[in-house]
PDB file of N, CA and C in Angstrom:
ATOM      1  N   MET A   1      72.296  43.579  50.471  1.00  0.00           N
ATOM      2  CA  MET A   1      72.334  42.180  50.085  1.00  0.00           C
ATOM      3  C   MET A   1      71.475  41.969  48.837  1.00  0.00           C
ATOM      4  N   SER A   2      71.859  40.987  48.055  1.00  0.00           N
ATOM      5  CA  SER A   2      71.098  40.644  46.860  1.00  0.00           C
ATOM      6  C   SER A   2      69.992  39.647  47.203  1.00  0.00           C
ATOM      7  N   THR A   3      69.110  39.431  46.260  1.00  0.00           N
ATOM      8  CA  THR A   3      68.062  38.432  46.444  1.00  0.00           C
ATOM      9  C   THR A   3      68.686  37.069  46.717  1.00  0.00           C
ATOM     10  N   LEU A   4      69.759  36.734  45.984  1.00  0.00           N
ATOM     11  CA  LEU A   4      70.432  35.453  46.189  1.00  0.00           C
ATOM     12  C   LEU A   4      71.011  35.356  47.596  1.00  0.00           C
ATOM     13  N   ASP A   5      71.613  36.428  48.083  1.00  0.00           N
ATOM     14  CA  ASP A   5      72.147  36.438  49.449  1.00  0.00           C
ATOM     15  C   ASP A   5      71.029  36.251  50.469  1.00  0.00           C
ATOM     16  N   ASP A   6      69.923  36.972  50.261  1.00  0.00           N
ATOM     17  CA  ASP A   6      68.779  36.851  51.165  1.00  0.00           C
ATOM     18  C   ASP A   6      68.228  35.428  51.154  1.00  0.00           C
ATOM     19  N   TRP A   7      68.082  34.862  49.940  1.00  0.00           N
ATOM     20  CA  TRP A   7      67.566  33.503  49.803  1.00  0.00           C
ATOM     21  C   TRP A   7      68.495  32.502  50.487  1.00  0.00           C
ATOM     22  N   THR A   8      69.790  32.635  50.264  1.00  0.00           N
ATOM     23  CA  THR A   8      70.760  31.717  50.859  1.00  0.00           C
ATOM     24  C   THR A   8      70.689  31.762  52.375  1.00  0.00           C
ATOM     25  N   ALA A   9      70.628  32.949  52.931  1.00  0.00           N
ATOM     26  CA  ALA A   9      70.542  33.104  54.389  1.00  0.00           C
ATOM     27  C   ALA A   9      69.255  32.481  54.926  1.00  0.00           C
ATOM     28  N   ALA A  10      68.141  32.737  54.254  1.00  0.00           N
ATOM     29  CA  ALA A  10      66.862  32.184  54.696  1.00  0.00           C
ATOM     30  C   ALA A  10      66.839  30.664  54.560  1.00  0.00           C
ATOM     31  N   LEU A  11      67.359  30.145  53.453  1.00  0.00           N
ATOM     32  CA  LEU A  11      67.378  28.701  53.229  1.00  0.00           C
ATOM     33  C   LEU A  11      68.240  27.996  54.270  1.00  0.00           C
ATOM     34  N   CYS A  12      69.425  28.540  54.521  1.00  0.00           N
ATOM     35  CA  CYS A  12      70.301  27.934  55.522  1.00  0.00           C
ATOM     36  C   CYS A  12      69.656  27.952  56.906  1.00  0.00           C
ATOM     37  N   ALA A  13      69.011  29.049  57.243  1.00  0.00           N
ATOM     38  CA  ALA A  13      68.312  29.127  58.532  1.00  0.00           C
ATOM     39  C   ALA A  13      67.194  28.095  58.597  1.00  0.00           C
ATOM     40  N   GLU A  14      66.449  27.958  57.529  1.00  0.00           N
ATOM     41  CA  GLU A  14      65.341  27.001  57.491  1.00  0.00           C
ATOM     42  C   GLU A  14      65.827  25.562  57.617  1.00  0.00           C
ATOM     43  N   LEU A  15      66.983  25.274  57.003  1.00  0.00           N
ATOM     44  CA  LEU A  15      67.537  23.922  57.032  1.00  0.00           C
ATOM     45  C   LEU A  15      68.400  23.658  58.265  1.00  0.00           C
ATOM     46  N   GLY A  16      68.646  24.702  59.038  1.00  0.00           N
ATOM     47  CA  GLY A  16      69.443  24.544  60.250  1.00  0.00           C
ATOM     48  C   GLY A  16      70.919  24.320  59.977  1.00  0.00           C
ATOM     49  N   ILE A  17      71.430  24.938  58.931  1.00  0.00           N
ATOM     50  CA  ILE A  17      72.849  24.817  58.612  1.00  0.00           C
ATOM     51  C   ILE A  17      73.482  26.199  58.550  1.00  0.00           C
ATOM     52  N   GLU A  18      74.776  26.223  58.734  1.00  0.00           N
ATOM     53  CA  GLU A  18      75.528  27.473  58.653  1.00  0.00           C
ATOM     54  C   GLU A  18      76.123  27.602  57.257  1.00  0.00           C
ATOM     55  N   PRO A  19      75.860  28.692  56.568  1.00  0.00           N
ATOM     56  CA  PRO A  19      76.518  28.876  55.270  1.00  0.00           C
ATOM     57  C   PRO A  19      78.019  29.085  55.494  1.00  0.00           C
ATOM     58  N   THR A  20      78.817  28.456  54.658  1.00  0.00           N
ATOM     59  CA  THR A  20      80.262  28.625  54.797  1.00  0.00           C
ATOM     60  C   THR A  20      80.732  29.753  53.891  1.00  0.00           C
ATOM     61  N   GLU A  21      81.826  30.345  54.263  1.00  0.00           N
ATOM     62  CA  GLU A  21      82.402  31.438  53.484  1.00  0.00           C
ATOM     63  C   GLU A  21      82.691  30.974  52.063  1.00  0.00           C
ATOM     64  N   GLY A  22      82.147  31.657  51.093  1.00  0.00           N
ATOM     65  CA  GLY A  22      82.420  31.348  49.703  1.00  0.00           C
ATOM     66  C   GLY A  22      81.633  30.193  49.131  1.00  0.00           C
ATOM     67  N   SER A  23      80.800  29.542  49.922  1.00  0.00           N
ATOM     68  CA  SER A  23      80.095  28.363  49.416  1.00  0.00           C
ATOM     69  C   SER A  23      79.124  28.708  48.293  1.00  0.00           C
ATOM     70  N   GLN A  24      78.473  29.842  48.396  1.00  0.00           N
ATOM     71  CA  GLN A  24      77.534  30.264  47.352  1.00  0.00           C
ATOM     72  C   GLN A  24      78.256  30.410  46.012  1.00  0.00           C
ATOM     73  N   ARG A  25      79.372  31.104  45.987  1.00  0.00           N
ATOM     74  CA  ARG A  25      80.147  31.308  44.759  1.00  0.00           C
ATOM     75  C   ARG A  25      80.689  29.978  44.249  1.00  0.00           C
ATOM     76  N   THR A  26      81.148  29.118  45.152  1.00  0.00           N
ATOM     77  CA  THR A  26      81.696  27.821  44.766  1.00  0.00           C
ATOM     78  C   THR A  26      80.644  26.970  44.067  1.00  0.00           C
ATOM     79  N   VAL A  27      79.451  26.925  44.627  1.00  0.00           N
ATOM     80  CA  VAL A  27      78.372  26.133  44.027  1.00  0.00           C
ATOM     81  C   VAL A  27      77.967  26.715  42.674  1.00  0.00           C
ATOM     82  N   LEU A  28      77.873  28.017  42.572  1.00  0.00           N
ATOM     83  CA  LEU A  28      77.516  28.643  41.295  1.00  0.00           C
ATOM     84  C   LEU A  28      78.577  28.400  40.228  1.00  0.00           C
ATOM     85  N   ASP A  29      79.838  28.472  40.617  1.00  0.00           N
ATOM     86  CA  ASP A  29      80.922  28.201  39.664  1.00  0.00           C
ATOM     87  C   ASP A  29      80.878  26.754  39.193  1.00  0.00           C
ATOM     88  N   LEU A  30      80.666  25.832  40.118  1.00  0.00           N
ATOM     89  CA  LEU A  30      80.571  24.420  39.754  1.00  0.00           C
ATOM     90  C   LEU A  30      79.390  24.193  38.813  1.00  0.00           C
ATOM     91  N   ALA A  31      78.247  24.772  39.127  1.00  0.00           N
ATOM     92  CA  ALA A  31      77.060  24.606  38.278  1.00  0.00           C
ATOM     93  C   ALA A  31      77.317  25.131  36.868  1.00  0.00           C
ATOM     94  N   ARG A  32      78.025  26.245  36.762  1.00  0.00           N
ATOM     95  CA  ARG A  32      78.346  26.809  35.447  1.00  0.00           C
ATOM     96  C   ARG A  32      79.210  25.849  34.645  1.00  0.00           C
ATOM     97  N   VAL A  33      80.249  25.312  35.278  1.00  0.00           N
ATOM     98  CA  VAL A  33      81.159  24.387  34.594  1.00  0.00           C
ATOM     99  C   VAL A  33      80.405  23.156  34.113  1.00  0.00           C
ATOM    100  N   VAL A  34      79.616  22.571  34.995  1.00  0.00           N
ATOM    101  CA  VAL A  34      78.887  21.346  34.654  1.00  0.00           C
ATOM    102  C   VAL A  34      77.842  21.615  33.574  1.00  0.00           C
ATOM    103  N   ALA A  35      77.137  22.723  33.676  1.00  0.00           N
ATOM    104  CA  ALA A  35      76.113  23.042  32.675  1.00  0.00           C
ATOM    105  C   ALA A  35      76.711  23.181  31.291  1.00  0.00           C
ATOM    106  N   HIS A  36      77.898  23.746  31.203  1.00  0.00           N
ATOM    107  CA  HIS A  36      78.539  23.943  29.899  1.00  0.00           C
ATOM    108  C   HIS A  36      79.270  22.709  29.403  1.00  0.00           C
ATOM    109  N   ALA A  37      79.899  21.964  30.303  1.00  0.00           N
ATOM    110  CA  ALA A  37      80.716  20.826  29.890  1.00  0.00           C
ATOM    111  C   ALA A  37      79.923  19.528  29.760  1.00  0.00           C
ATOM    112  N   VAL A  38      78.830  19.409  30.503  1.00  0.00           N
ATOM    113  CA  VAL A  38      78.070  18.158  30.509  1.00  0.00           C
ATOM    114  C   VAL A  38      76.694  18.414  29.899  1.00  0.00           C
ATOM    115  N   ASP A  39      75.814  19.026  30.688  1.00  0.00           N
ATOM    116  CA  ASP A  39      74.437  19.289  30.260  1.00  0.00           C
ATOM    117  C   ASP A  39      73.798  20.179  31.318  1.00  0.00           C
ATOM    118  N   ARG A  40      72.929  21.074  30.907  1.00  0.00           N
ATOM    119  CA  ARG A  40      72.318  22.002  31.863  1.00  0.00           C
ATOM    120  C   ARG A  40      71.640  21.286  33.033  1.00  0.00           C
ATOM    121  N   PRO A  41      70.823  20.247  32.783  1.00  0.00           N
ATOM    122  CA  PRO A  41      70.175  19.581  33.917  1.00  0.00           C
ATOM    123  C   PRO A  41      71.161  18.887  34.863  1.00  0.00           C
ATOM    124  N   ALA A  42      72.386  18.667  34.411  1.00  0.00           N
ATOM    125  CA  ALA A  42      73.388  18.036  35.276  1.00  0.00           C
ATOM    126  C   ALA A  42      73.865  18.989  36.374  1.00  0.00           C
ATOM    127  N   ALA A  43      73.685  20.276  36.199  1.00  0.00           N
ATOM    128  CA  ALA A  43      74.172  21.255  37.179  1.00  0.00           C
ATOM    129  C   ALA A  43      73.492  21.105  38.540  1.00  0.00           C
ATOM    130  N   PRO A  44      72.151  21.118  38.628  1.00  0.00           N
ATOM    131  CA  PRO A  44      71.546  20.974  39.961  1.00  0.00           C
ATOM    132  C   PRO A  44      71.749  19.574  40.539  1.00  0.00           C
ATOM    133  N   VAL A  45      71.782  18.566  39.675  1.00  0.00           N
ATOM    134  CA  VAL A  45      72.025  17.204  40.155  1.00  0.00           C
ATOM    135  C   VAL A  45      73.420  17.113  40.771  1.00  0.00           C
ATOM    136  N   THR A  46      74.405  17.705  40.100  1.00  0.00           N
ATOM    137  CA  THR A  46      75.772  17.705  40.610  1.00  0.00           C
ATOM    138  C   THR A  46      75.851  18.456  41.938  1.00  0.00           C
ATOM    139  N   ALA A  47      75.207  19.612  42.009  1.00  0.00           N
ATOM    140  CA  ALA A  47      75.223  20.382  43.259  1.00  0.00           C
ATOM    141  C   ALA A  47      74.616  19.573  44.400  1.00  0.00           C
ATOM    142  N   TYR A  48      73.556  18.847  44.122  1.00  0.00           N
ATOM    143  CA  TYR A  48      72.916  18.016  45.145  1.00  0.00           C
ATOM    144  C   TYR A  48      73.879  16.938  45.652  1.00  0.00           C
ATOM    145  N   PHE A  49      74.498  16.209  44.721  1.00  0.00           N
ATOM    146  CA  PHE A  49      75.379  15.125  45.134  1.00  0.00           C
ATOM    147  C   PHE A  49      76.660  15.633  45.790  1.00  0.00           C
ATOM    148  N   VAL A  50      77.173  16.752  45.354  1.00  0.00           N
ATOM    149  CA  VAL A  50      78.315  17.356  46.039  1.00  0.00           C
ATOM    150  C   VAL A  50      77.902  17.741  47.458  1.00  0.00           C
ATOM    151  N   GLY A  51      76.704  18.285  47.611  1.00  0.00           N
ATOM    152  CA  GLY A  51      76.192  18.610  48.947  1.00  0.00           C
ATOM    153  C   GLY A  51      76.077  17.377  49.831  1.00  0.00           C
ATOM    154  N   MET A  52      75.641  16.268  49.244  1.00  0.00           N
ATOM    155  CA  MET A  52      75.576  15.025  50.017  1.00  0.00           C
ATOM    156  C   MET A  52      76.971  14.601  50.474  1.00  0.00           C
ATOM    157  N   ALA A  53      77.954  14.704  49.565  1.00  0.00           N
ATOM    158  CA  ALA A  53      79.324  14.330  49.917  1.00  0.00           C
ATOM    159  C   ALA A  53      79.856  15.209  51.040  1.00  0.00           C
ATOM    160  N   VAL A  54      79.587  16.507  50.951  1.00  0.00           N
ATOM    161  CA  VAL A  54      80.032  17.434  51.992  1.00  0.00           C
ATOM    162  C   VAL A  54      79.327  17.117  53.315  1.00  0.00           C
ATOM    163  N   GLY A  55      78.041  16.807  53.234  1.00  0.00           N
ATOM    164  CA  GLY A  55      77.301  16.442  54.440  1.00  0.00           C
ATOM    165  C   GLY A  55      77.825  15.182  55.101  1.00  0.00           C
ATOM    166  N   ARG A  56      78.442  14.338  54.303  1.00  0.00           N
ATOM    167  CA  ARG A  56      79.016  13.091  54.829  1.00  0.00           C
ATOM    168  C   ARG A  56      80.470  13.247  55.235  1.00  0.00           C
ATOM    169  N   GLY A  57      80.969  14.480  55.167  1.00  0.00           N
ATOM    170  CA  GLY A  57      82.298  14.746  55.700  1.00  0.00           C
ATOM    171  C   GLY A  57      83.369  15.151  54.709  1.00  0.00           C
ATOM    172  N   ALA A  58      83.074  15.109  53.411  1.00  0.00           N
ATOM    173  CA  ALA A  58      84.065  15.545  52.427  1.00  0.00           C
ATOM    174  C   ALA A  58      84.259  17.049  52.532  1.00  0.00           C
ATOM    175  N   ALA A  59      85.466  17.495  52.276  1.00  0.00           N
ATOM    176  CA  ALA A  59      85.722  18.935  52.230  1.00  0.00           C
ATOM    177  C   ALA A  59      85.077  19.498  50.968  1.00  0.00           C
ATOM    178  N   MET A  60      84.487  20.672  51.091  1.00  0.00           N
ATOM    179  CA  MET A  60      83.805  21.269  49.952  1.00  0.00           C
ATOM    180  C   MET A  60      84.746  21.471  48.780  1.00  0.00           C
ATOM    181  N   ALA A  61      85.935  21.972  49.042  1.00  0.00           N
ATOM    182  CA  ALA A  61      86.899  22.208  47.958  1.00  0.00           C
ATOM    183  C   ALA A  61      87.260  20.903  47.256  1.00  0.00           C
ATOM    184  N   GLU A  62      87.416  19.842  48.018  1.00  0.00           N
ATOM    185  CA  GLU A  62      87.750  18.543  47.434  1.00  0.00           C
ATOM    186  C   GLU A  62      86.601  18.013  46.578  1.00  0.00           C
ATOM    187  N   ALA A  63      85.389  18.071  47.105  1.00  0.00           N
ATOM    188  CA  ALA A  63      84.229  17.555  46.383  1.00  0.00           C
ATOM    189  C   ALA A  63      83.945  18.352  45.117  1.00  0.00           C
ATOM    190  N   THR A  64      84.004  19.669  45.202  1.00  0.00           N
ATOM    191  CA  THR A  64      83.754  20.477  44.011  1.00  0.00           C
ATOM    192  C   THR A  64      84.889  20.318  43.006  1.00  0.00           C
ATOM    193  N   GLY A  65      86.112  20.161  43.485  1.00  0.00           N
ATOM    194  CA  GLY A  65      87.247  19.934  42.593  1.00  0.00           C
ATOM    195  C   GLY A  65      87.099  18.640  41.819  1.00  0.00           C
ATOM    196  N   LYS A  66      86.712  17.568  42.506  1.00  0.00           N
ATOM    197  CA  LYS A  66      86.501  16.281  41.837  1.00  0.00           C
ATOM    198  C   LYS A  66      85.407  16.395  40.780  1.00  0.00           C
ATOM    199  N   ALA A  67      84.303  17.051  41.142  1.00  0.00           N
ATOM    200  CA  ALA A  67      83.190  17.198  40.198  1.00  0.00           C
ATOM    201  C   ALA A  67      83.600  18.046  38.992  1.00  0.00           C
ATOM    202  N   SER A  68      84.342  19.116  39.227  1.00  0.00           N
ATOM    203  CA  SER A  68      84.793  19.969  38.126  1.00  0.00           C
ATOM    204  C   SER A  68      85.737  19.225  37.193  1.00  0.00           C
ATOM    205  N   ARG A  69      86.662  18.474  37.767  1.00  0.00           N
ATOM    206  CA  ARG A  69      87.601  17.708  36.941  1.00  0.00           C
ATOM    207  C   ARG A  69      86.868  16.635  36.132  1.00  0.00           C
ATOM    208  N   LEU A  70      85.886  15.987  36.741  1.00  0.00           N
ATOM    209  CA  LEU A  70      85.092  15.003  36.021  1.00  0.00           C
ATOM    210  C   LEU A  70      84.352  15.667  34.867  1.00  0.00           C
ATOM    211  N   ALA A  71      83.771  16.843  35.107  1.00  0.00           N
ATOM    212  CA  ALA A  71      83.051  17.565  34.048  1.00  0.00           C
ATOM    213  C   ALA A  71      84.000  17.942  32.908  1.00  0.00           C
ATOM    214  N   ASP A  72      85.205  18.375  33.245  1.00  0.00           N
ATOM    215  CA  ASP A  72      86.186  18.713  32.207  1.00  0.00           C
ATOM    216  C   ASP A  72      86.541  17.495  31.362  1.00  0.00           C
ATOM    217  N   ARG A  73      86.754  16.362  32.022  1.00  0.00           N
ATOM    218  CA  ARG A  73      87.056  15.136  31.285  1.00  0.00           C
ATOM    219  C   ARG A  73      85.852  14.669  30.478  1.00  0.00           C
ATOM    220  N   TRP A  74      84.675  14.857  31.046  1.00  0.00           N
ATOM    221  CA  TRP A  74      83.438  14.418  30.394  1.00  0.00           C
ATOM    222  C   TRP A  74      83.264  15.088  29.028  1.00  0.00           C
ATOM    223  N   SER A  75      83.496  16.394  28.999  1.00  0.00           N
ATOM    224  CA  SER A  75      83.314  17.109  27.727  1.00  0.00           C
ATOM    225  C   SER A  75      84.314  16.647  26.681  1.00  0.00           C
ATOM    226  N   ALA A  76      85.491  16.240  27.109  1.00  0.00           N
ATOM    227  CA  ALA A  76      86.491  15.748  26.167  1.00  0.00           C
ATOM    228  C   ALA A  76      86.184  14.326  25.713  1.00  0.00           C
ATOM    229  N   ASP A  77      85.590  13.527  26.591  1.00  0.00           N
ATOM    230  CA  ASP A  77      85.324  12.113  26.297  1.00  0.00           C
ATOM    231  C   ASP A  77      83.978  11.851  25.628  1.00  0.00           C
ATOM    232  N   HIS A  78      83.055  12.770  25.744  1.00  0.00           N
ATOM    233  CA  HIS A  78      81.701  12.500  25.242  1.00  0.00           C
ATOM    234  C   HIS A  78      81.329  13.472  24.154  1.00  0.00           C
TER     235      HIS A  78
END
Protein backbone atom coordinates (compact mmCIF):
# COMPACT_ATOMS: atom_id res chain seq x y z
CA MET A 1 0.00 0.00 0.00
CA SER A 2 1.07 3.58 -0.60
CA THR A 3 1.23 6.34 1.97
CA LEU A 4 -1.99 7.74 0.48
CA ASP A 5 -3.71 4.35 0.82
CA ASP A 6 -2.52 4.04 4.42
CA TRP A 7 -3.65 7.60 5.20
CA THR A 8 -7.06 7.06 3.59
CA ALA A 9 -7.64 3.86 5.56
CA ALA A 10 -6.57 5.48 8.83
CA LEU A 11 -8.63 8.63 8.20
CA CYS A 12 -11.76 6.67 7.34
CA ALA A 13 -11.33 4.52 10.44
CA GLU A 14 -10.84 7.62 12.59
CA LEU A 15 -13.95 9.28 11.14
CA GLY A 16 -16.01 6.11 11.37
CA ILE A 17 -16.77 5.89 7.66
CA GLU A 18 -16.25 3.19 5.07
CA PRO A 19 -14.13 4.16 2.08
CA THR A 20 -15.99 3.42 -1.13
CA GLU A 21 -14.44 1.69 -4.10
CA GLY A 22 -12.72 4.25 -6.29
CA SER A 23 -13.53 7.21 -4.06
CA GLN A 24 -9.88 8.14 -3.56
CA ARG A 25 -9.23 8.29 -7.33
CA THR A 26 -12.52 10.13 -7.93
CA VAL A 27 -11.68 12.85 -5.40
CA LEU A 28 -8.14 13.24 -6.76
CA ASP A 29 -9.42 13.51 -10.33
CA LEU A 30 -11.99 16.11 -9.31
CA ALA A 31 -9.36 18.11 -7.41
CA ARG A 32 -7.09 18.08 -10.46
CA VAL A 33 -9.85 19.36 -12.76
CA VAL A 34 -10.90 22.11 -10.36
CA ALA A 35 -7.33 23.19 -9.61
CA HIS A 36 -6.59 23.62 -13.31
CA ALA A 37 -9.93 25.02 -14.48
CA VAL A 38 -10.79 27.27 -11.53
CA ASP A 39 -8.01 27.86 -8.99
CA ARG A 40 -5.75 25.67 -6.87
CA PRO A 41 -7.37 26.64 -3.54
CA ALA A 42 -10.77 25.73 -5.03
CA ALA A 43 -9.77 22.05 -5.14
CA PRO A 44 -9.96 21.25 -1.39
CA VAL A 45 -12.99 23.51 -0.98
CA THR A 46 -14.76 21.64 -3.78
CA ALA A 47 -13.83 18.26 -2.30
CA TYR A 48 -15.25 19.37 1.05
CA PHE A 49 -18.57 20.52 -0.39
CA VAL A 50 -18.90 17.45 -2.61
CA GLY A 51 -18.30 15.38 0.54
CA MET A 52 -21.07 17.29 2.29
CA ALA A 53 -23.43 16.59 -0.62
CA VAL A 54 -22.55 12.89 -0.54
CA GLY A 55 -23.04 12.84 3.22
CA ARG A 56 -26.50 14.28 2.69
CA GLY A 57 -27.40 11.51 0.28
CA ALA A 58 -26.17 12.56 -3.16
CA ALA A 59 -24.49 9.86 -5.21
CA MET A 60 -20.76 10.42 -5.42
CA ALA A 61 -20.71 10.10 -9.20
CA GLU A 62 -23.52 12.63 -9.52
CA ALA A 63 -21.93 15.15 -7.15
CA THR A 64 -18.46 14.91 -8.67
CA GLY A 65 -19.96 15.07 -12.17
CA LYS A 66 -21.83 18.27 -11.35
CA ALA A 67 -18.71 19.83 -9.83
CA SER A 68 -16.55 18.81 -12.81
CA ARG A 69 -19.04 20.19 -15.32
CA LEU A 70 -19.26 23.45 -13.36
CA ALA A 71 -15.44 23.70 -13.34
CA ASP A 72 -15.34 23.11 -17.11
CA ARG A 73 -17.90 25.85 -17.69
CA TRP A 74 -16.15 28.11 -15.20
CA SER A 75 -12.89 28.10 -17.13
CA ALA A 76 -14.74 29.01 -20.31
CA ASP A 77 -16.81 31.76 -18.65
CA HIS A 78 -14.18 33.38 -16.44
